Protein backbone atom coordinates (compact mmCIF):
# COMPACT_ATOMS: atom_id res chain seq x y z
CA MET A 1 36.83 -22.75 5.28
CA THR A 2 34.69 -19.62 4.83
CA SER A 3 32.34 -18.31 7.48
CA PHE A 4 29.33 -19.12 5.25
CA SER A 5 30.31 -22.76 4.83
CA ALA A 6 30.88 -23.10 8.60
CA ASN A 7 27.21 -22.49 9.45
CA PRO A 8 24.99 -21.40 6.52
CA PHE A 9 21.85 -21.53 8.69
CA VAL A 10 22.89 -18.39 10.60
CA PHE A 11 23.24 -16.36 7.42
CA ILE A 12 20.02 -17.66 5.88
CA PHE A 13 18.07 -17.09 9.10
CA SER A 14 19.48 -13.55 9.47
CA ALA A 15 18.61 -12.68 5.87
CA VAL A 16 15.06 -14.00 6.24
CA ALA A 17 14.57 -12.13 9.56
CA ILE A 18 15.78 -8.85 8.06
CA LEU A 19 13.56 -9.35 5.01
CA LEU A 20 10.51 -9.97 7.23
CA VAL A 21 11.17 -6.80 9.24
CA VAL A 22 11.54 -4.74 6.05
CA LEU A 23 8.31 -6.22 4.63
CA TYR A 24 6.43 -5.48 7.88
CA PHE A 25 7.41 -1.81 7.86
CA ALA A 26 6.75 -1.51 4.12
CA TYR A 27 3.27 -2.96 4.66
CA GLY A 28 2.54 -0.46 7.48
CA THR A 29 3.80 2.44 5.40
CA LEU A 30 1.79 1.45 2.33
CA ASP A 31 -1.34 0.86 4.42
CA ARG A 32 -1.33 4.24 6.22
CA LEU A 33 0.85 6.81 4.41
CA GLY A 34 -0.97 9.76 2.85
CA LEU A 35 -4.54 8.72 3.61
CA GLY A 36 -7.34 11.16 2.97
CA SER A 37 -9.59 12.16 5.87
CA ARG A 38 -13.33 12.70 5.90
CA SER A 39 -15.81 14.05 8.42
CA ALA A 40 -18.59 11.86 9.79
CA ARG A 41 -21.08 11.53 12.63
CA ALA A 42 -20.50 8.82 15.20
CA VAL A 43 -22.27 7.36 18.23
CA VAL A 44 -20.36 6.83 21.47
CA THR A 45 -20.68 3.15 22.45
CA GLY A 46 -18.35 3.17 25.45
CA LYS A 47 -15.62 4.96 27.37
CA GLN A 48 -12.31 3.82 28.85
CA TYR A 49 -9.75 5.58 31.03
CA ASN A 50 -6.22 4.18 31.16
CA PRO A 51 -4.42 5.62 34.20
CA PRO A 52 -0.84 6.89 34.00
CA GLY A 53 1.90 4.55 35.03
CA THR A 54 5.56 3.76 34.90
CA THR A 55 7.32 1.18 32.79
CA TYR A 56 10.85 -0.02 33.47
CA ASN A 57 13.60 -1.09 31.12
CA THR A 58 16.85 -2.70 32.29
CA ASN A 59 20.00 -2.46 30.18
CA ILE A 60 23.35 -4.07 30.83
CA VAL A 61 26.11 -1.49 30.30
CA ALA A 62 29.76 -2.34 30.99
CA GLY A 63 28.65 -5.37 32.97
CA ARG A 64 26.31 -3.39 35.23
CA ALA A 65 22.52 -3.35 35.19
CA TRP A 66 20.96 0.09 34.65
CA THR A 67 17.23 0.38 35.16
CA GLN A 68 15.49 3.23 33.40
CA SER A 69 11.92 4.29 34.10
CA HIS A 70 9.52 5.77 31.57
CA GLU A 71 6.37 7.60 32.60
CA THR A 72 3.30 6.74 30.52
CA PRO A 73 0.51 9.34 30.47
CA GLY A 74 -3.13 8.59 31.18
CA THR A 75 -5.36 8.29 28.13
CA TYR A 76 -9.05 8.93 27.65
CA ALA A 77 -10.59 6.78 24.91
CA VAL A 78 -14.11 6.58 23.55
CA MET A 79 -15.43 3.66 21.54
CA LEU A 80 -17.32 4.88 18.48
CA ARG A 81 -19.67 3.48 15.86
CA VAL A 82 -19.41 5.23 12.51
CA GLY A 83 -22.17 3.80 10.34
CA GLU A 84 -21.75 0.06 10.82
CA GLU A 85 -18.02 0.20 11.64
CA HIS A 86 -16.48 0.44 15.11
CA THR A 87 -13.34 2.38 16.04
CA VAL A 88 -11.68 4.09 19.00
CA GLY A 89 -10.76 7.75 19.39
CA LEU A 90 -8.59 9.49 21.96
CA VAL A 91 -10.08 12.62 23.53
CA SER A 92 -9.19 15.24 26.13
CA LYS A 93 -10.17 14.77 29.76
CA GLU A 94 -12.72 17.60 29.51
CA LEU A 95 -14.48 16.05 26.50
CA PHE A 96 -14.29 12.56 28.05
CA GLU A 97 -16.14 13.77 31.16
CA THR A 98 -18.97 15.31 29.12
CA LEU A 99 -19.58 12.30 26.86
CA ASN A 100 -22.02 9.51 27.66
CA THR A 101 -22.93 6.29 25.88
CA GLY A 102 -25.33 7.06 23.04
CA ASP A 103 -24.11 10.63 22.47
CA ARG A 104 -23.52 11.74 18.89
CA VAL A 105 -20.17 13.33 18.07
CA ASN A 106 -18.36 14.67 15.03
CA VAL A 107 -15.28 12.70 13.98
CA THR A 108 -12.59 12.99 11.39
CA VAL A 109 -11.79 9.49 10.14
CA ARG A 110 -9.57 7.83 7.61
CA GLN A 111 -9.69 4.32 6.22
CA THR A 112 -6.52 2.30 5.70
CA ARG A 113 -5.78 0.99 2.22
CA ILE A 114 -5.12 -2.70 2.75
CA THR A 115 -6.86 -3.65 5.99
CA ARG A 116 -9.76 -1.20 5.42
CA LYS A 117 -9.74 -0.33 9.14
CA LEU A 118 -11.36 2.91 10.20
CA GLU A 119 -9.12 5.21 12.28
CA ALA A 120 -10.51 8.15 14.24
CA VAL A 121 -8.15 11.11 13.87
CA GLU A 122 -10.17 13.70 15.81
CA VAL A 123 -13.31 13.63 17.95
CA THR A 124 -15.34 16.78 18.71
CA ARG A 125 -18.77 17.59 20.12
C-alpha cells in the first residue's frame, strides 16, 4: 500500500491549499507591483488615531509555552476624498494635528490594476 492510496484526500487537500495560497499572492503581486503614481488634490473627510499597543504570540517550543510580545506603534490616519473616490492615508502626528475635516491637501495616489482601488502613498499640506 502506498501513502497516496492510504488517504488520497490529504494529498488532494494539501495540493489545493498550496495552490490557493500561491494564487492569492500572485493576485496581490499582479494587482500592486510597479504601479504608477500621480498627484492630486483631496478633501479630508475624517481623522482617526489608533493608539500604540502590545500584541502577544504564544509558541510551544520543546514542550514549553513561550509568550512573545510585539509592540505596535500608534498610527495617524486621515480619510480622504479624491474626486468621487474615498481612500485613507497615513500621516505624521504633526500633520494630523493641523488637519481638520474639509481641509484640502495634496496627495500622491496610485490605482491598483484589478480592483481599481485608490491608494494614498503620501499626504502633504
